[in-house]
């Protein structure tokens, strides 16, 4: 019996693939047989991930999701795709009264606007193959309030809403759209704030999670499921992978 989780013969786009969840997902997609197109802001780190990919035919395209010209050029260079996962993301801890327009523009551009624009462009160009799968990375912040996190949370709630409507609109074309909602994942740029905490404070944070902190591979495996034929009857869902913290 064929492995339904295999990505053999599929071409997959991964944004934010130069580090963290994006890098882990790119490596696992290649390990599962996919040809991957990886993007990221930092070309040096992107090249380092590229060198670690198993298989052949992979493509690396530097792209800053905050720059419209980069996003437009990326869409023009992309081949027909069987799947994509939008792993690029930024956050800034800012109390509401200190939010600046620049913060709103940067966070929305990376986390919400650019993914929407890329999907819009690729669908219009008919570059998403029938049976394709689109995966967006949200966050438990979409519904789990955290001080100073309002702009980031707004983008992560927005991407879930977009994903659900997209799922309805693309169903007739046999294209699926889902989102993944991670909790705290160690070893990502999004969690660098831990370096400012003491060992005792970090342990207190860890204890909030029934299963402890997550790893990038935990999220990558969830994304692989949604990209693969194992989830061919799954669309419009939000897959929460959070070690149980939102059970409380």
Foldseek 3Di string as FASTA:
>chain_A
DDDQLACAPFEEEFEQCLFFLNLLLQQVNLVSHYAYEYEEQDPVSQVVSVVNHPDDDHHYQYAQLLDPVRLVVVLVPDAQGQEYEQPFADFDQAAPVGDDPVRLSRRCSRLPVSVVVSVVSCVVVVSHAALHEYEYEAACLLPDPDHSGVSNNVSRVVVLVVQLVVQVVCVVSNYAGEYEYEYAEPGGPRPPVCVVPDPVVQVVVQVLAQQGHHYSNQVSSVVSCRRGSVCSVDHSYYHYHYNCNVVD
